[in-house]
Each structure stands twice: as C-alpha cells, then as structure tokens.
Amino acid sequence: MIKKAIRMKLFEGQEAEYTKRHQELWPEMRQMLKEHGALSYSIFLDRQTNELFGYLEIEDEQTWQKVSKTAINQKWWTYMKDLMETNSDHSPVTEELVHVFEL
C-alpha cells in the first residue's frame, strides 16, 4: 500500500457546496477510483485557510496515474472548477506533501 497526501485550495464561501458534491459523489466516479487502486481517500478542510488536505491509500502508483486521463475524472474536474483553484485543464492545483512520520 502506498500513502499519499496532497494540499488543494478551496475558494472562500464554497465549503458547503464542496461538501455537498462529495457527499453526492457520482457512483461511476467512486467505481473508477476503486478500479484505479484507491483503497482509501479522505479529504479534510482547514476552515481558517480554506486549504484542503487529501489523504489517499493506493495499491500502485502507475495505475493511479491513469486516473487523470479517464473521462469521468475530467468531467468531475469540470464540475468542481468553480469551487477551487484549478489549472488550465480544470484539474485542481495540488501540492504533494512529504510523508515524514508514522506511528
């Protein structure tokens, strides 16, 4: 199992909508994530900074890298672009965090 952590930025005032959309995650998106090796995926919000912290446990890095090229993922990015900082392809601006400790 591979552990990954990322940071993203939510636009101010979009907390409720971001939460709602994830609570209503499309079944085909959920299925695609599982098919690409996501064993666990959690997102946390820092309310003071509007930063999102994503924590993933995946099976294989090469399989996981294919997620961004799926049609359903690209549709999700377009759906979410009005809520958070994104790149020109609508993917979220992310920063990978370095794993420094585990108990």
Protein backbone atom coordinates (compact mmCIF):
# COMPACT_ATOMS: atom_id res chain seq x y z
CA MET A 1 0.00 0.00 0.00
CA ILE A 2 1.21 3.48 -0.91
CA LYS A 3 0.20 6.50 1.19
CA LYS A 4 -0.16 9.90 -0.47
CA ALA A 5 -1.13 13.33 0.80
CA ILE A 6 -1.98 16.44 -1.18
CA ARG A 7 -2.99 20.02 -0.46
CA MET A 8 -5.52 21.96 -2.52
CA LYS A 9 -7.24 25.34 -2.12
CA LEU A 10 -10.98 25.91 -1.87
CA PHE A 11 -12.48 29.29 -2.78
CA GLU A 12 -13.90 31.22 0.17
CA GLY A 13 -17.58 30.57 0.77
CA GLN A 14 -17.61 27.25 -1.12
CA GLU A 15 -17.26 24.91 1.86
CA ALA A 16 -20.89 23.76 1.96
CA GLU A 17 -21.14 23.17 -1.80
CA TYR A 18 -17.82 21.31 -1.88
CA THR A 19 -19.01 19.06 0.95
CA LYS A 20 -22.40 18.52 -0.72
CA ARG A 21 -20.86 17.50 -4.03
CA HIS A 22 -18.59 14.99 -2.33
CA GLN A 23 -21.44 13.57 -0.27
CA GLU A 24 -23.23 13.02 -3.59
CA LEU A 25 -20.16 11.60 -5.36
CA TRP A 26 -21.23 10.03 -8.62
CA PRO A 27 -21.29 6.21 -8.46
CA GLU A 28 -19.22 5.99 -11.65
CA MET A 29 -16.57 8.27 -10.10
CA ARG A 30 -16.46 6.12 -6.97
CA GLN A 31 -16.13 2.98 -9.12
CA MET A 32 -13.35 4.48 -11.26
CA LEU A 33 -11.33 5.40 -8.15
CA LYS A 34 -11.62 1.85 -6.83
CA GLU A 35 -10.74 0.37 -10.23
CA HIS A 36 -7.59 2.50 -10.25
CA GLY A 37 -6.43 1.21 -6.89
CA ALA A 38 -7.82 3.68 -4.33
CA LEU A 39 -8.15 1.75 -1.10
CA SER A 40 -8.96 4.84 0.94
CA TYR A 41 -9.45 8.51 0.08
CA SER A 42 -10.25 11.20 2.65
CA ILE A 43 -10.36 14.99 2.30
CA PHE A 44 -10.13 17.39 5.23
CA LEU A 45 -10.76 21.16 5.31
CA ASP A 46 -8.80 23.74 7.28
CA ARG A 47 -11.55 26.34 7.86
CA GLN A 48 -9.06 29.09 8.71
CA THR A 49 -7.16 28.88 5.41
CA ASN A 50 -9.66 27.11 3.11
CA GLU A 51 -6.94 24.58 2.36
CA LEU A 52 -8.00 21.03 1.61
CA PHE A 53 -5.86 18.11 2.73
CA GLY A 54 -6.35 14.90 0.76
CA TYR A 55 -5.09 11.58 2.11
CA LEU A 56 -5.04 8.52 -0.14
CA GLU A 57 -4.02 4.92 0.19
CA ILE A 58 -3.44 3.33 -3.20
CA GLU A 59 -2.29 -0.04 -4.49
CA ASP A 60 0.02 1.03 -7.31
CA GLU A 61 1.40 4.38 -8.47
CA GLN A 62 1.33 3.57 -12.21
CA THR A 63 -2.33 2.55 -12.09
CA TRP A 64 -3.21 5.59 -10.01
CA GLN A 65 -1.55 7.94 -12.53
CA LYS A 66 -4.11 6.84 -15.14
CA VAL A 67 -7.00 8.40 -13.13
CA SER A 68 -6.43 11.86 -14.61
CA LYS A 69 -6.94 10.57 -18.14
CA THR A 70 -10.34 8.97 -17.52
CA ALA A 71 -13.40 10.69 -18.99
CA ILE A 72 -15.28 10.58 -15.69
CA ASN A 73 -12.41 12.24 -13.82
CA GLN A 74 -12.15 15.01 -16.40
CA LYS A 75 -15.92 15.52 -16.15
CA TRP A 76 -15.55 15.75 -12.33
CA TRP A 77 -12.78 18.34 -12.65
CA THR A 78 -15.02 20.49 -14.86
CA TYR A 79 -17.87 20.09 -12.37
CA MET A 80 -15.64 21.19 -9.46
CA LYS A 81 -13.68 24.03 -11.11
CA ASP A 82 -15.98 26.77 -9.82
CA LEU A 83 -15.24 25.80 -6.21
CA MET A 84 -11.46 25.63 -6.05
CA GLU A 85 -8.16 26.72 -7.56
CA THR A 86 -7.59 24.82 -10.80
CA ASN A 87 -5.12 24.52 -13.66
CA SER A 88 -5.99 25.30 -17.29
CA ASP A 89 -7.21 21.70 -17.80
CA HIS A 90 -9.55 22.16 -14.80
CA SER A 91 -7.51 19.79 -12.62
CA PRO A 92 -7.14 21.04 -9.05
CA VAL A 93 -3.96 22.87 -8.23
CA THR A 94 -2.28 20.37 -5.92
CA GLU A 95 0.88 20.16 -3.91
CA GLU A 96 2.10 16.73 -2.89
CA LEU A 97 3.06 16.61 0.76
CA VAL A 98 6.07 14.68 2.06
CA HIS A 99 5.43 11.80 4.46
CA VAL A 100 7.75 12.40 7.42
CA PHE A 101 6.30 10.37 10.32
CA GLU A 102 4.05 7.44 11.07
CA LEU A 103 3.21 5.69 14.33
